[in-house]
Amino acid sequence: MIMFSAYGVITTPDAPLLFFVALFFFLYEKYLERNSWSIALGLGVVLACMLYSKYMAVLVLACLLLSNLKVLKDPKIWMAGLLAALLFVPHVLWQYRNGFPSMQYHLVGRNEGFSFKYILEYWPNQLMVFNPVCLGLALFFCWKKRKTENIYEKFCLYTMVGFVFFFWLMTLKGHAEPHWTTTASIPMILLLSNQMQELRWRKWLCYGILPVALLMLLARVVLPVLSIPSVGAFKQHQKMEAVHQYCGDTPVVFLNSFQEPALYSYYTARPSVVLSSVYGRRTQYDIWQWDKELQGKPVFAIGKNLKEWNIAGVCEVDADSDRPFFVRKYNSFQGTNRIEITVNQYDVANDTLILDLTMANPYSVPFDFHHPEFTTTLLMAYLLEHYVIMNCPVPEDLVIPAGGKVSFTTKTKLLPDVPFVLCVDNEICRAVNSKPMSVSKIKN
């Protein structure tokens, strides 16, 4: 199984998830053999670890309950669930204190809208994740054993089919990453290994896997020779070393890429941040807020957007990895991501929206809308099929004192009942600075 093997070398949350799911299946089998408190509480601890790895672990719990509702009569299982909930409390508190960023991203941020291509591409991707022979045989055995009375076997069937078909259903609202179903490889391995005790099925598996194994061996030998893995993150160190050589010890600010600052810090041991914009999503860097420390200091901004936006003073640097990067130095950085905008009240006059705003500056230096390097504007971003941008005038010579607030009134064009956010915009970042809201043409 290709992706199951890949997580032996790729460090993502899926790797610990696979480990804890395998441990969960092991403990559940022992629980069915001998119903003891120690095993049940072990299930609770492992369940919490699964949830800390990835939220999709809740599907494993759902499949267990659907396959064996009788466990709900066992007080040991209820204690296991309570233990898992208690162990998960720190994460829930963290979510609450940070505005539930993960929930917002998974429930809203991933929505891309319906498209037939997402539905059609799903199964070819799954054939690559599990390999056609294993997936085909596993689905066949699921159908063959659909009426099994073996509780543990039923749990394996429910989990495998549940994961594969749940994420196929998710394609109705956007693209489903192929590796999301890798967790189903645990029950799939258990199911196939059991069925392979029969000689006829072992022959099918061996004959079918042989060409796949040869292709994987060929890929492992040929691809490194052709240096194809340099496409992606596996040889990004060449680019990051080139960035470091060009920028020296000056902090680096990346635009709309949370992978690149992580790679840069990893390969160079130097600090870097990313500026999130209205066209991207919030990342861990928005929670850390390290960009606050760069305010008013020299920085290098890096991103392909610098070239696309025709920003003056941008240099193209060859990184000797077929990946040149575009960079511009600023002597006094003024980020916009941490400016907070609150709508105190609003009024509607015909097609005009009148907003009474308060802008808060959490930075340790004043925020100047007429900064010599970062001329700043206030914008309204309406979310239709794409963002529709409207200008919002601000008072002349607007400066928000360090750690202070200013209030003023602005006007813009009203698009009734269309969600919008307010954005503080400069030449390298159009940040999201308010909570989303919408206004009806007739004010309530």
Protein backbone atom coordinates (compact mmCIF):
# COMPACT_ATOMS: atom_id res chain seq x y z
CA MET A 1 0.00 0.00 0.00
CA ILE A 2 1.72 3.09 -1.33
CA MET A 3 0.59 5.82 1.08
CA PHE A 4 0.81 3.53 4.11
CA SER A 5 4.48 2.96 3.25
CA ALA A 6 5.05 6.64 2.50
CA TYR A 7 4.25 7.63 6.07
CA GLY A 8 7.33 5.74 7.15
CA VAL A 9 9.37 8.68 5.83
CA ILE A 10 6.92 11.60 5.58
CA THR A 11 6.20 13.36 8.86
CA THR A 12 2.63 14.68 8.86
CA PRO A 13 -0.25 14.21 11.33
CA ASP A 14 -1.30 11.13 9.35
CA ALA A 15 1.74 9.21 10.64
CA PRO A 16 0.81 9.35 14.37
CA LEU A 17 -2.83 8.85 13.39
CA LEU A 18 -1.95 5.57 11.69
CA PHE A 19 0.03 4.46 14.75
CA PHE A 20 -2.74 5.21 17.23
CA VAL A 21 -5.45 3.74 14.99
CA ALA A 22 -3.45 0.51 14.75
CA LEU A 23 -3.08 0.54 18.55
CA PHE A 24 -6.82 1.22 18.91
CA PHE A 25 -7.68 -1.81 16.75
CA PHE A 26 -5.27 -3.94 18.77
CA LEU A 27 -6.79 -2.88 22.11
CA TYR A 28 -10.35 -3.27 20.83
CA GLU A 29 -9.58 -6.87 19.84
CA LYS A 30 -8.22 -7.49 23.36
CA TYR A 31 -11.31 -5.80 24.83
CA LEU A 32 -13.59 -8.21 22.95
CA GLU A 33 -11.52 -11.14 24.22
CA ARG A 34 -11.50 -10.06 27.86
CA ASN A 35 -13.58 -7.13 29.01
CA SER A 36 -11.30 -5.49 31.58
CA TRP A 37 -11.02 -2.00 33.03
CA SER A 38 -7.36 -1.64 32.06
CA ILE A 39 -8.03 -2.34 28.38
CA ALA A 40 -11.12 -0.09 28.31
CA LEU A 41 -9.21 2.83 29.87
CA GLY A 42 -6.38 2.15 27.42
CA LEU A 43 -8.91 2.59 24.62
CA GLY A 44 -9.84 5.98 26.10
CA VAL A 45 -6.22 7.16 26.18
CA VAL A 46 -5.58 5.98 22.63
CA LEU A 47 -8.81 7.60 21.42
CA ALA A 48 -7.63 10.94 22.79
CA CYS A 49 -4.26 10.47 21.06
CA MET A 50 -6.06 9.70 17.79
CA LEU A 51 -8.09 12.91 18.07
CA TYR A 52 -4.98 14.94 18.86
CA SER A 53 -3.42 13.52 15.67
CA LYS A 54 -6.31 14.38 13.34
CA TYR A 55 -9.98 15.15 13.88
CA MET A 56 -11.01 12.51 11.33
CA ALA A 57 -10.26 9.93 14.05
CA VAL A 58 -13.82 10.51 15.23
CA LEU A 59 -14.87 8.39 12.23
CA VAL A 60 -13.13 5.39 13.78
CA LEU A 61 -15.19 5.84 16.96
CA ALA A 62 -18.38 6.25 14.90
CA CYS A 63 -17.66 3.05 12.97
CA LEU A 64 -17.02 1.16 16.22
CA LEU A 65 -20.36 2.24 17.66
CA LEU A 66 -22.25 1.47 14.43
CA SER A 67 -20.68 -1.97 14.22
CA ASN A 68 -21.36 -2.83 17.86
CA LEU A 69 -24.01 -0.74 19.60
CA LYS A 70 -23.96 -3.15 22.54
CA VAL A 71 -20.78 -1.52 23.84
CA LEU A 72 -22.94 1.41 24.95
CA LYS A 73 -24.34 -0.86 27.66
CA ASP A 74 -20.87 -1.31 29.14
CA PRO A 75 -19.98 1.26 31.86
CA LYS A 76 -16.30 0.65 31.10
CA ILE A 77 -16.77 2.10 27.62
CA TRP A 78 -18.50 5.16 29.07
CA MET A 79 -15.56 5.68 31.42
CA ALA A 80 -13.18 5.29 28.48
CA GLY A 81 -15.10 7.99 26.60
CA LEU A 82 -15.05 10.26 29.64
CA LEU A 83 -11.29 9.77 30.00
CA ALA A 84 -10.76 10.62 26.33
CA ALA A 85 -12.89 13.75 26.72
CA LEU A 86 -10.92 14.88 29.79
CA LEU A 87 -7.61 14.37 28.01
CA PHE A 88 -8.92 16.39 25.06
CA VAL A 89 -10.01 19.36 27.21
CA PRO A 90 -6.69 21.29 26.81
CA HIS A 91 -7.14 21.28 23.05
CA VAL A 92 -10.75 22.47 23.29
CA LEU A 93 -9.63 25.31 25.57
CA TRP A 94 -6.90 26.25 23.10
CA GLN A 95 -9.46 26.31 20.29
CA TYR A 96 -11.78 28.52 22.35
CA ARG A 97 -9.05 31.02 23.25
CA ASN A 98 -7.94 31.31 19.62
CA GLY A 99 -11.37 31.60 18.00
CA PHE A 100 -11.67 27.96 16.88
CA PRO A 101 -9.31 28.38 13.88
CA SER A 102 -9.17 24.68 13.04
CA MET A 103 -12.95 24.31 13.09
CA GLN A 104 -13.44 27.35 10.88
CA TYR A 105 -10.91 26.06 8.39
CA HIS A 106 -12.24 22.52 8.15
CA LEU A 107 -15.93 23.45 8.16
CA VAL A 108 -15.77 26.63 6.04
CA GLY A 109 -12.28 27.28 4.70
CA ARG A 110 -12.08 24.06 2.69
CA ASN A 111 -15.39 24.59 0.87
CA GLU A 112 -14.63 24.95 -2.83
CA GLY A 113 -18.12 24.40 -4.23
CA PHE A 114 -19.58 21.51 -6.20
CA SER A 115 -17.76 20.22 -9.27
CA PHE A 116 -18.08 16.89 -11.08
CA LYS A 117 -14.31 16.70 -11.45
CA TYR A 118 -13.93 16.29 -7.68
CA ILE A 119 -16.32 13.31 -7.72
CA LEU A 120 -14.72 11.71 -10.78
CA GLU A 121 -11.10 12.10 -9.70
CA TYR A 122 -11.70 10.52 -6.31
CA TRP A 123 -11.59 6.83 -7.25
CA PRO A 124 -8.49 7.01 -9.49
CA ASN A 125 -6.76 8.75 -6.55
CA GLN A 126 -7.86 5.99 -4.18
CA LEU A 127 -6.44 3.35 -6.54
CA MET A 128 -3.09 5.11 -6.18
CA VAL A 129 -3.38 5.38 -2.38
CA PHE A 130 -4.09 1.69 -1.74
CA ASN A 131 -3.02 0.23 -5.15
CA PRO A 132 -5.71 -1.25 -7.41
CA VAL A 133 -5.23 -4.88 -6.33
CA CYS A 134 -5.53 -4.29 -2.58
CA LEU A 135 -8.45 -1.89 -2.89
CA GLY A 136 -10.29 -4.13 -5.36
CA LEU A 137 -9.87 -7.24 -3.23
CA ALA A 138 -10.76 -5.39 -0.02
CA LEU A 139 -14.01 -4.00 -1.46
CA PHE A 140 -14.85 -7.49 -2.80
CA PHE A 141 -14.34 -9.04 0.64
CA CYS A 142 -16.43 -6.26 2.22
CA TRP A 143 -19.33 -7.25 -0.02
CA LYS A 144 -18.72 -10.95 0.53
CA LYS A 145 -18.69 -10.55 4.32
CA ARG A 146 -21.37 -7.88 4.62
CA LYS A 147 -23.49 -10.18 6.82
CA THR A 148 -20.69 -11.40 9.07
CA GLU A 149 -21.49 -12.02 12.72
CA ASN A 150 -17.88 -11.54 13.83
CA ILE A 151 -17.93 -8.23 15.76
CA TYR A 152 -14.25 -7.43 15.23
CA GLU A 153 -14.43 -8.25 11.53
CA LYS A 154 -17.53 -6.08 11.26
CA PHE A 155 -15.59 -3.18 12.86
CA CYS A 156 -12.88 -3.59 10.22
CA LEU A 157 -15.45 -3.58 7.41
CA TYR A 158 -17.33 -0.56 8.75
CA THR A 159 -14.14 1.46 9.23
CA MET A 160 -12.72 0.71 5.81
CA VAL A 161 -15.94 1.34 3.91
CA GLY A 162 -16.82 4.27 6.17
CA PHE A 163 -13.60 6.17 5.48
CA VAL A 164 -13.57 5.51 1.74
CA PHE A 165 -17.20 6.46 1.15
CA PHE A 166 -17.35 9.30 3.68
CA PHE A 167 -14.62 11.22 1.89
CA TRP A 168 -16.20 10.43 -1.48
CA LEU A 169 -19.30 12.14 -0.10
CA MET A 170 -17.11 15.10 0.91
CA THR A 171 -16.26 15.68 -2.76
CA LEU A 172 -19.72 17.25 -3.08
CA LYS A 173 -18.29 20.37 -1.42
CA GLY A 174 -14.76 20.39 -2.80
CA HIS A 175 -11.59 18.48 -3.53
CA ALA A 176 -10.77 15.53 -1.25
CA GLU A 177 -7.07 14.94 -0.76
CA PRO A 178 -6.21 11.33 -1.72
CA HIS A 179 -4.33 10.60 1.51
CA TRP A 180 -7.29 11.42 3.76
CA THR A 181 -8.44 7.80 3.49
CA THR A 182 -5.05 6.28 4.41
CA THR A 183 -6.43 5.39 7.87
CA ALA A 184 -8.57 2.76 6.14
CA SER A 185 -5.37 0.87 5.34
CA ILE A 186 -5.26 -0.45 8.94
CA PRO A 187 -8.53 -2.45 8.72
CA MET A 188 -7.73 -3.23 5.08
CA ILE A 189 -4.45 -4.90 6.08
CA LEU A 190 -6.23 -6.84 8.82
CA LEU A 191 -8.96 -7.96 6.43
CA LEU A 192 -6.62 -8.93 3.60
CA SER A 193 -4.12 -10.73 5.82
CA ASN A 194 -6.94 -12.84 7.21
CA GLN A 195 -8.33 -13.68 3.79
CA MET A 196 -4.91 -14.49 2.40
CA GLN A 197 -4.95 -17.66 4.48
CA GLU A 198 -6.89 -19.12 1.55
CA LEU A 199 -4.51 -20.12 -1.23
CA ARG A 200 -6.68 -18.89 -4.12
CA TRP A 201 -6.83 -15.36 -2.76
CA ARG A 202 -3.12 -15.35 -1.92
CA LYS A 203 -2.38 -16.13 -5.58
CA TRP A 204 -4.59 -13.27 -6.74
CA LEU A 205 -2.84 -10.86 -4.41
CA CYS A 206 0.67 -11.99 -5.32
CA TYR A 207 0.07 -11.91 -9.07
CA GLY A 208 -1.67 -8.57 -8.86
CA ILE A 209 0.86 -6.87 -6.60
CA LEU A 210 3.91 -7.97 -8.59
CA PRO A 211 3.56 -5.38 -11.42
CA VAL A 212 2.76 -2.66 -8.88
CA ALA A 213 5.85 -3.57 -6.86
CA LEU A 214 8.01 -3.48 -10.00
CA LEU A 215 6.68 -0.05 -10.89
CA MET A 216 7.44 1.24 -7.39
CA LEU A 217 10.96 -0.22 -7.56
CA LEU A 218 11.49 1.42 -10.94
CA ALA A 219 10.26 4.75 -9.55
CA ARG A 220 12.62 4.54 -6.57
CA VAL A 221 15.61 3.90 -8.87
CA VAL A 222 14.79 6.18 -11.80
CA LEU A 223 13.29 9.22 -10.14
CA PRO A 224 16.31 10.07 -7.96
CA VAL A 225 18.56 9.74 -11.01
CA LEU A 226 16.40 12.20 -12.93
CA SER A 227 16.26 14.50 -9.88
CA ILE A 228 12.50 14.78 -10.25
CA PRO A 229 12.05 14.89 -6.46
CA SER A 230 13.52 18.41 -6.59
CA VAL A 231 10.01 19.41 -7.60
CA GLY A 232 8.30 19.91 -4.27
CA ALA A 233 9.69 20.12 -0.78
CA PHE A 234 12.24 17.31 -0.85
CA LYS A 235 15.06 19.45 -2.26
CA GLN A 236 13.83 22.86 -1.20
CA HIS A 237 17.01 23.26 0.82
CA GLN A 238 18.74 24.53 -2.33
CA LYS A 239 16.29 27.38 -2.63
CA MET A 240 16.28 28.14 1.10
CA GLU A 241 20.06 28.20 1.29
CA ALA A 242 20.08 30.61 -1.66
CA VAL A 243 17.53 32.81 0.12
CA HIS A 244 19.67 32.82 3.25
CA GLN A 245 22.80 33.61 1.28
CA TYR A 246 21.04 36.57 -0.35
CA CYS A 247 19.25 37.90 2.75
CA GLY A 248 21.86 37.11 5.39
CA ASP A 249 20.59 37.49 8.95
CA THR A 250 17.86 39.97 7.97
CA PRO A 251 14.40 38.49 8.76
CA VAL A 252 12.49 37.05 5.82
CA VAL A 253 8.78 37.58 5.22
CA PHE A 254 7.07 35.14 2.82
CA LEU A 255 3.83 35.94 1.04
CA ASN A 256 0.91 33.50 1.19
CA SER A 257 2.97 30.34 1.73
CA PHE A 258 3.11 28.78 5.19
CA GLN A 259 5.30 25.93 3.87
CA GLU A 260 8.18 28.16 2.78
CA PRO A 261 8.83 29.94 6.11
CA ALA A 262 8.76 26.55 7.85
CA LEU A 263 11.29 25.16 5.35
CA TYR A 264 13.42 28.28 5.62
CA SER A 265 13.59 28.07 9.41
CA TYR A 266 14.28 24.35 9.25
CA TYR A 267 17.15 24.55 6.77
CA THR A 268 18.75 27.81 7.93
CA ALA A 269 17.83 28.08 11.64
CA ARG A 270 16.77 31.68 10.96
CA PRO A 271 13.37 33.23 11.86
CA SER A 272 10.76 33.87 9.18
CA VAL A 273 7.03 34.53 8.98
CA VAL A 274 4.22 34.48 6.45
CA LEU A 275 1.72 37.26 5.73
CA SER A 276 -1.75 35.79 5.38
CA SER A 277 -4.08 37.56 2.96
CA VAL A 278 -7.78 37.58 2.19
CA TYR A 279 -7.08 35.19 -0.71
CA GLY A 280 -5.51 32.55 1.55
CA ARG A 281 -6.32 31.22 5.00
CA ARG A 282 -5.16 31.64 8.57
CA THR A 283 -2.20 29.55 9.62
CA GLN A 284 -0.26 28.78 12.78
CA TYR A 285 1.76 31.93 12.09
CA ASP A 286 -1.38 33.99 12.72
CA ILE A 287 -1.59 32.42 16.15
CA TRP A 288 2.10 32.86 16.95
CA GLN A 289 2.05 36.45 15.57
CA TRP A 290 5.85 36.61 15.28
CA ASP A 291 5.45 39.38 12.68
CA LYS A 292 4.75 41.79 15.55
CA GLU A 293 8.46 41.67 16.42
CA LEU A 294 9.41 42.78 12.89
CA GLN A 295 7.36 45.97 12.88
CA GLY A 296 9.60 48.93 12.03
CA LYS A 297 12.63 46.72 11.27
CA PRO A 298 14.40 45.85 7.97
CA VAL A 299 13.01 42.75 6.24
CA PHE A 300 13.17 40.94 2.92
CA ALA A 301 9.81 40.10 1.35
CA ILE A 302 9.77 37.00 -0.87
CA GLY A 303 7.05 35.67 -3.16
CA LYS A 304 6.12 35.27 -6.81
CA ASN A 305 3.37 37.85 -6.21
CA LEU A 306 6.02 40.57 -6.04
CA LYS A 307 6.74 40.02 -9.72
CA GLU A 308 3.10 39.60 -10.71
CA TRP A 309 2.13 42.85 -8.99
CA ASN A 310 4.95 44.81 -10.74
CA ILE A 311 6.30 46.15 -7.44
CA ALA A 312 9.24 48.49 -7.89
CA GLY A 313 12.64 47.32 -6.66
CA VAL A 314 11.94 43.58 -6.99
CA CYS A 315 14.94 41.38 -7.81
CA GLU A 316 14.88 37.91 -9.33
CA VAL A 317 17.42 35.58 -7.75
CA ASP A 318 18.48 32.24 -9.23
CA ALA A 319 18.43 29.54 -6.55
CA ASP A 320 20.26 26.92 -8.68
CA SER A 321 17.28 24.61 -8.33
CA ASP A 322 15.14 25.61 -11.31
CA ARG A 323 13.19 27.71 -8.82
CA PRO A 324 14.20 31.37 -8.90
CA PHE A 325 12.65 33.55 -6.24
CA PHE A 326 11.56 37.19 -6.24
CA VAL A 327 12.67 39.40 -3.40
CA ARG A 328 12.47 43.03 -2.29
CA LYS A 329 14.10 44.64 0.71
CA TYR A 330 12.20 47.06 2.96
CA ASN A 331 14.03 49.23 5.47
CA SER A 332 11.08 49.63 7.84
CA PHE A 333 8.48 46.86 7.75
CA GLN A 334 4.84 47.73 8.46
CA GLY A 335 2.64 44.66 8.55
CA THR A 336 -1.14 44.87 8.49
CA ASN A 337 -2.25 41.42 9.72
CA ARG A 338 -2.68 42.32 13.39
CA ILE A 339 -4.71 45.53 12.93
CA GLU A 340 -8.16 44.83 14.37
CA ILE A 341 -11.27 46.50 12.96
CA THR A 342 -14.57 46.57 14.81
CA VAL A 343 -17.84 47.78 13.27
CA ASN A 344 -19.50 49.77 16.07
CA GLN A 345 -22.63 50.56 14.08
CA TYR A 346 -23.73 51.07 10.50
CA ASP A 347 -26.35 52.87 8.45
CA VAL A 348 -27.72 52.45 4.94
CA ALA A 349 -28.50 55.32 2.59
CA ASN A 350 -29.72 54.11 -0.81
CA ASP A 351 -26.82 52.02 -2.14
CA THR A 352 -24.28 53.44 0.32
CA LEU A 353 -23.11 51.70 3.45
CA ILE A 354 -21.98 54.04 6.24
CA LEU A 355 -19.73 52.41 8.81
CA ASP A 356 -18.66 53.63 12.23
CA LEU A 357 -15.34 51.83 12.81
CA THR A 358 -12.73 51.42 15.50
CA MET A 359 -9.23 50.34 14.47
CA ALA A 360 -6.89 48.93 17.13
CA ASN A 361 -3.11 48.78 16.74
CA PRO A 362 -1.49 46.02 18.86
CA TYR A 363 2.00 46.79 17.53
CA SER A 364 4.67 48.47 19.67
CA VAL A 365 5.13 51.23 17.05
CA PRO A 366 2.57 53.64 15.51
CA PHE A 367 0.72 52.43 12.41
CA ASP A 368 0.90 55.09 9.65
CA PHE A 369 -1.44 54.93 6.66
CA HIS A 370 1.05 57.16 4.80
CA HIS A 371 4.11 55.08 5.62
CA PRO A 372 7.00 55.93 3.21
CA GLU A 373 7.38 52.29 2.11
CA PHE A 374 3.93 50.86 2.85
CA THR A 375 1.20 53.23 1.74
CA THR A 376 -1.95 51.71 3.18
CA THR A 377 -5.62 51.73 2.22
CA LEU A 378 -8.81 50.41 3.78
CA LEU A 379 -10.90 48.12 1.58
CA MET A 380 -14.19 46.27 1.71
CA ALA A 381 -13.96 42.72 0.28
CA TYR A 382 -17.37 41.32 -0.69
CA LEU A 383 -17.41 37.55 -1.13
CA LEU A 384 -19.37 36.62 -4.25
CA GLU A 385 -17.99 33.96 -6.63
CA HIS A 386 -14.75 35.92 -6.24
CA TYR A 387 -13.92 38.81 -3.96
CA VAL A 388 -15.35 42.16 -5.09
CA ILE A 389 -13.19 44.96 -3.70
CA MET A 390 -14.55 48.39 -2.71
CA ASN A 391 -12.54 51.34 -1.41
CA CYS A 392 -13.29 52.78 2.04
CA PRO A 393 -11.88 56.32 2.53
CA VAL A 394 -10.02 57.03 5.79
CA PRO A 395 -9.16 60.38 7.40
CA GLU A 396 -6.12 62.17 6.00
CA ASP A 397 -2.83 61.52 7.79
CA LEU A 398 -4.40 58.67 9.75
CA VAL A 399 -1.98 57.29 12.34
CA ILE A 400 -2.95 54.71 14.96
CA PRO A 401 -0.74 55.12 18.06
CA ALA A 402 1.23 52.17 19.36
CA GLY A 403 -1.09 49.98 21.42
CA GLY A 404 -3.91 52.48 20.80
CA LYS A 405 -7.19 52.86 18.91
CA VAL A 406 -8.86 55.36 16.58
CA SER A 407 -12.51 55.65 15.59
CA PHE A 408 -13.90 57.21 12.42
CA THR A 409 -16.70 56.94 9.88
CA THR A 410 -16.30 55.73 6.32
CA LYS A 411 -18.57 55.06 3.35
CA THR A 412 -18.59 52.44 0.63
CA LYS A 413 -20.92 50.87 -1.91
CA LEU A 414 -23.44 48.43 -0.45
CA LEU A 415 -24.01 44.96 -1.88
CA PRO A 416 -27.01 43.80 0.17
CA ASP A 417 -26.87 40.45 1.97
CA VAL A 418 -23.39 39.67 0.62
CA PRO A 419 -20.80 38.61 3.24
CA PHE A 420 -17.82 40.94 3.53
CA VAL A 421 -14.67 41.55 5.52
CA LEU A 422 -12.69 44.75 6.01
CA CYS A 423 -9.09 44.65 4.78
CA VAL A 424 -6.08 46.81 5.56
CA ASP A 425 -4.13 46.72 2.31
CA ASN A 426 -0.59 47.60 1.26
CA GLU A 427 1.51 46.62 -1.73
CA ILE A 428 2.45 43.17 -0.41
CA CYS A 429 -0.50 42.05 1.69
CA ARG A 430 -4.28 42.50 1.67
CA ALA A 431 -5.02 41.25 5.16
CA VAL A 432 -8.32 40.26 6.78
CA ASN A 433 -8.85 42.62 9.71
CA SER A 434 -12.49 42.18 10.74
CA LYS A 435 -14.96 39.43 11.38
CA PRO A 436 -17.17 38.52 8.41
CA MET A 437 -20.61 40.10 8.34
CA SER A 438 -23.33 41.14 5.91
CA VAL A 439 -25.82 44.02 5.78
CA SER A 440 -29.32 44.17 4.33
CA LYS A 441 -30.33 47.08 2.14
CA ILE A 442 -33.02 47.97 4.66
CA LYS A 443 -31.46 48.39 8.08
CA ASN A 444 -33.23 46.53 10.85
